[in-house]
Structure formats: structure tokens, C-alpha cells
Protein backbone atom coordinates (compact mmCIF):
# COMPACT_ATOMS: atom_id res chain seq x y z
CA MET A 1 15.34 -11.51 -7.81
CA ALA A 2 12.51 -11.68 -5.28
CA PHE A 3 12.05 -8.77 -2.90
CA LYS A 4 10.48 -9.12 0.55
CA THR A 5 9.46 -5.50 1.11
CA ILE A 6 8.98 -2.81 -1.54
CA ILE A 7 8.21 0.85 -0.88
CA VAL A 8 6.36 2.46 -3.80
CA ALA A 9 6.55 6.27 -3.72
CA LEU A 10 3.50 7.77 -5.44
CA SER A 11 2.51 11.24 -6.52
CA ASN A 12 -1.17 12.07 -6.92
CA SER A 13 -1.29 12.22 -10.70
CA HIS A 14 -3.12 9.73 -12.91
CA SER A 15 -0.01 9.05 -15.00
CA ASP A 16 2.02 8.09 -11.91
CA LEU A 17 -0.65 5.77 -10.55
CA ASP A 18 -1.08 4.05 -13.90
CA LEU A 19 2.66 3.41 -14.18
CA VAL A 20 2.85 1.76 -10.75
CA ILE A 21 1.32 -1.54 -11.82
CA GLN A 22 3.47 -1.58 -14.94
CA ALA A 23 6.63 -0.97 -12.88
CA LEU A 24 5.71 -3.59 -10.28
CA THR A 25 5.18 -6.24 -12.96
CA GLU A 26 8.96 -6.07 -13.52
CA PHE A 27 9.38 -7.89 -10.21
CA HIS A 28 8.33 -11.34 -9.14
CA LEU A 29 5.67 -10.52 -6.56
CA THR A 30 4.54 -13.44 -4.44
CA SER A 31 2.11 -13.80 -1.58
CA LYS A 32 5.12 -13.30 0.73
CA THR A 33 6.03 -9.94 -0.81
CA ARG A 34 4.96 -6.84 1.12
CA VAL A 35 4.29 -3.68 -0.90
CA ILE A 36 3.86 -0.35 0.87
CA LEU A 37 2.12 2.20 -1.37
CA SER A 38 3.31 5.53 0.00
CA HIS A 39 2.47 9.14 -0.69
CA VAL A 40 4.20 12.16 0.85
CA VAL A 41 2.27 15.37 1.23
CA ALA A 42 5.04 17.96 0.96
CA THR A 43 5.25 20.49 3.78
CA GLU A 44 4.58 24.10 2.92
CA LYS A 45 7.51 26.15 1.71
CA SER A 46 7.91 29.89 1.53
CA ASP A 47 6.56 31.54 -1.63
CA LEU A 48 10.11 31.96 -2.95
CA ASP A 49 10.94 28.26 -2.51
CA ARG A 50 7.60 26.88 -3.70
CA GLU A 51 8.00 27.72 -7.39
CA ALA A 52 11.31 25.83 -7.79
CA ASP A 53 10.65 23.01 -5.34
CA GLN A 54 7.02 22.25 -6.10
CA PRO A 55 6.35 22.79 -9.79
CA GLU A 56 2.95 22.12 -11.24
CA PRO A 57 2.93 18.47 -12.30
CA GLU A 58 2.35 17.76 -15.95
CA GLY A 59 -0.17 14.98 -15.27
CA LYS A 60 -3.69 15.63 -14.06
CA ASN A 61 -3.82 15.84 -10.26
CA ILE A 62 -6.59 14.00 -8.46
CA SER A 63 -8.34 14.66 -5.17
CA VAL A 64 -7.31 12.82 -2.00
CA GLY A 65 -10.55 10.80 -1.98
CA GLU A 66 -10.14 9.81 -5.61
CA PHE A 67 -6.47 9.01 -4.92
CA GLU A 68 -7.43 6.68 -2.06
CA LYS A 69 -10.05 4.94 -4.23
CA GLN A 70 -7.46 4.41 -6.97
CA LEU A 71 -4.99 3.00 -4.43
CA GLN A 72 -7.62 0.50 -3.32
CA VAL A 73 -8.08 -0.62 -6.95
CA TYR A 74 -4.33 -1.20 -7.27
CA ARG A 75 -4.14 -2.97 -3.92
CA GLU A 76 -6.73 -5.46 -5.16
CA LYS A 77 -4.74 -6.10 -8.35
CA LEU A 78 -1.48 -6.95 -6.59
CA PRO A 79 -0.84 -10.62 -5.69
CA CYS A 80 0.77 -9.73 -2.36
CA THR A 81 0.27 -8.05 0.98
CA THR A 82 -0.18 -4.29 0.57
CA GLU A 83 -0.32 -1.36 2.94
CA VAL A 84 -0.81 2.37 2.44
CA GLU A 85 1.30 5.06 4.13
CA VAL A 86 0.42 8.73 3.68
CA VAL A 87 2.85 11.03 5.51
CA ILE A 88 3.62 14.75 5.68
CA GLY A 89 7.09 16.18 5.27
CA ASP A 90 10.01 16.46 2.90
CA PRO A 91 9.45 13.84 0.15
CA THR A 92 13.04 12.59 0.02
CA GLU A 93 13.41 12.36 3.80
CA GLU A 94 10.04 10.65 4.26
CA ILE A 95 10.56 8.08 1.50
CA VAL A 96 13.98 7.14 2.91
CA ARG A 97 12.57 7.11 6.46
CA LEU A 98 9.74 4.74 5.44
CA SER A 99 12.22 2.45 3.70
CA ASN A 100 14.24 2.28 6.92
CA ILE A 101 11.19 1.72 9.14
CA TYR A 102 9.95 -1.15 6.95
CA ASN A 103 13.48 -2.47 6.31
CA ALA A 104 12.72 -2.31 2.58
CA ASP A 105 14.73 -4.21 -0.02
CA LEU A 106 13.61 -1.84 -2.78
CA ILE A 107 12.11 1.59 -3.38
CA VAL A 108 10.11 2.15 -6.59
CA ILE A 109 9.81 5.82 -7.56
CA GLY A 110 8.91 7.81 -10.67
CA SER A 111 11.00 10.40 -12.43
CA ARG A 112 9.70 13.34 -14.41
CA GLY A 113 12.70 13.06 -16.74
CA LEU A 114 13.70 16.70 -16.37
CA LYS A 115 16.94 17.81 -18.00
CA GLY A 116 19.20 20.83 -18.02
CA ILE A 117 18.05 24.00 -16.32
CA ASN A 118 14.62 22.54 -15.44
CA ARG A 119 16.30 19.79 -13.41
CA ILE A 120 18.49 22.34 -11.63
CA LEU A 121 15.58 24.66 -10.83
CA GLN A 122 12.99 22.04 -9.96
CA GLY A 123 15.24 19.46 -8.33
CA SER A 124 15.00 15.70 -8.49
CA ILE A 125 13.45 13.77 -5.64
CA SER A 126 14.27 10.47 -7.33
CA SER A 127 17.97 11.38 -7.60
CA GLU A 128 18.04 12.41 -3.95
CA VAL A 129 16.36 9.13 -2.91
CA VAL A 130 18.91 7.13 -4.94
CA ALA A 131 21.74 8.98 -3.16
CA GLU A 132 20.32 8.65 0.37
CA ALA A 133 18.54 5.27 0.45
CA ASN A 134 20.01 2.26 2.25
CA CYS A 135 18.49 -0.13 -0.30
CA SER A 136 18.14 -0.49 -4.05
CA VAL A 137 16.02 2.06 -5.91
CA PHE A 138 14.11 1.40 -9.15
CA VAL A 139 13.35 4.66 -10.97
CA PHE A 140 10.75 4.56 -13.74
CA LYS A 141 10.40 7.42 -16.17
CA GLN A 142 7.04 9.02 -16.81
CA ARG A 143 6.39 9.46 -20.51
């Protein structure tokens, strides 16, 4: 199946960025495909909310400048039109909003693979996006 517009939701960890190209190779990207590489900077929460809603990621975080350089490398590797969207807000809301703005056919998002009590405490952005999106969602697990 060929998709016209794909939103790729990225975190700023090396493991997430490296998996993006692997996940996108699952799809038949052509010169007519439009890929929007997006990153949501989560809004500040109260100290009580922050621990459960914004856990420390397991992968190594990278600086914004390094993140932008890495995005440029990936943009050059993709055989299609690419754009970058960096927004501030609630990750689920912003990813769904971007998919609606761009009339996306697909959202590609990573999952930390949390289970049990960790999933309850830390929440799942990918599950929320699947529930709220108006298009298909491809969730890839980080290993």
C-alpha cells in the first residue's frame, strides 16, 4: 500500500531516531510520498505529574542541535519529500493535530513496550494516538 502523507513522531533519543529509517523501509516510499518528521516538546507539568507522565527515557537523549543535525541526515536518506515539524504541547494532542493538518494517511510512532504497573504509571502516548487518530497508526517497538 502506498501512502501519500506520513507523520513520523520522534523522541529525541538515539534509539528512536535509528529505528525511524528501519520503520519507514516497511512502506513503499516514492518521490510523491510526503514524510513529516515531527517532534513534540512536552509542556511543563507540575512536579507531582512529571514523574509519572515524563519518565526518564532509557535511550541516550541528545541535544536539540544534535537532534536537528540527525534529522537532516535522515531527510537526505529518504527518497521522498520531507519536512520537519517541532511543536510544543501535549504529545498525543499535537501528533493527532499534525496528522489532521497534513491530512495524513499514516502516523508512525515508537512504543517503549512498557507493561503492567509501569504502563499504568507512565502512560502510553502510542496507545492514546492509536485511539484518537483519524488515520492508520504504525507502532514500532523499541528494543
